[in-house]
Amino acid sequence: MKKNAGIILIVLGALLLILSYVADFMDHNWYQLLCLLFIIGGIVTHIIVSKKAQSE
């Protein structure tokens, strides 16, 4: 599970962005910022976990 945490955060952020588009929720900047933080956090988490796995 820990190995896939970054990918899960990226997919969650992307799905929330798609949901905001479908639900006409695009005018709320805080919602889009939260989705962006999920995606960036997922990328950073994936890089960190991958580097730790390579070093072991």
Protein backbone atom coordinates (compact mmCIF):
# COMPACT_ATOMS: atom_id res chain seq x y z
CA MET A 1 0.00 0.00 0.00
CA LYS A 2 2.79 2.42 0.89
CA LYS A 3 4.39 1.71 -2.49
CA ASN A 4 1.25 2.93 -4.29
CA ALA A 5 0.42 5.91 -2.06
CA GLY A 6 1.78 8.47 -4.52
CA ILE A 7 -0.13 7.02 -7.46
CA ILE A 8 -3.33 6.91 -5.39
CA LEU A 9 -2.96 10.61 -4.49
CA ILE A 10 -2.37 11.56 -8.14
CA VAL A 11 -5.42 9.62 -9.32
CA LEU A 12 -7.54 11.02 -6.49
CA GLY A 13 -6.57 14.59 -7.38
CA ALA A 14 -7.30 14.00 -11.06
CA LEU A 15 -10.67 12.39 -10.32
CA LEU A 16 -11.65 15.27 -8.06
CA LEU A 17 -10.77 17.74 -10.83
CA ILE A 18 -12.91 15.78 -13.30
CA LEU A 19 -15.74 15.68 -10.78
CA SER A 20 -15.51 19.43 -10.27
CA TYR A 21 -15.81 19.96 -14.02
CA VAL A 22 -18.85 17.66 -14.31
CA ALA A 23 -20.55 19.15 -11.23
CA ASP A 24 -19.89 22.73 -12.45
CA PHE A 25 -17.73 23.43 -9.41
CA MET A 26 -14.90 25.05 -11.40
CA ASP A 27 -15.34 28.55 -9.95
CA HIS A 28 -14.12 27.56 -6.49
CA ASN A 29 -10.39 28.16 -6.38
CA TRP A 30 -9.91 26.49 -3.01
CA TYR A 31 -11.24 23.22 -4.44
CA GLN A 32 -8.89 23.34 -7.41
CA LEU A 33 -5.97 24.23 -5.14
CA LEU A 34 -6.76 21.20 -2.98
CA CYS A 35 -6.76 18.98 -6.08
CA LEU A 36 -3.46 20.49 -7.19
CA LEU A 37 -1.95 19.80 -3.77
CA PHE A 38 -3.10 16.17 -3.98
CA ILE A 39 -1.45 15.79 -7.39
CA ILE A 40 1.82 17.49 -6.39
CA GLY A 41 1.89 15.60 -3.09
CA GLY A 42 1.35 12.36 -4.96
CA ILE A 43 4.21 13.08 -7.35
CA VAL A 44 6.58 13.94 -4.51
CA THR A 45 5.49 10.90 -2.50
CA HIS A 46 5.97 8.61 -5.49
CA ILE A 47 9.48 9.94 -6.11
CA ILE A 48 10.50 9.58 -2.45
CA VAL A 49 9.11 6.04 -2.14
CA SER A 50 10.73 4.99 -5.43
CA LYS A 51 14.14 6.32 -4.38
CA LYS A 52 13.91 4.55 -1.01
CA ALA A 53 12.99 1.29 -2.75
CA GLN A 54 15.97 1.58 -5.12
CA SER A 55 18.44 2.24 -2.32
CA GLU A 56 17.37 -0.84 -0.34
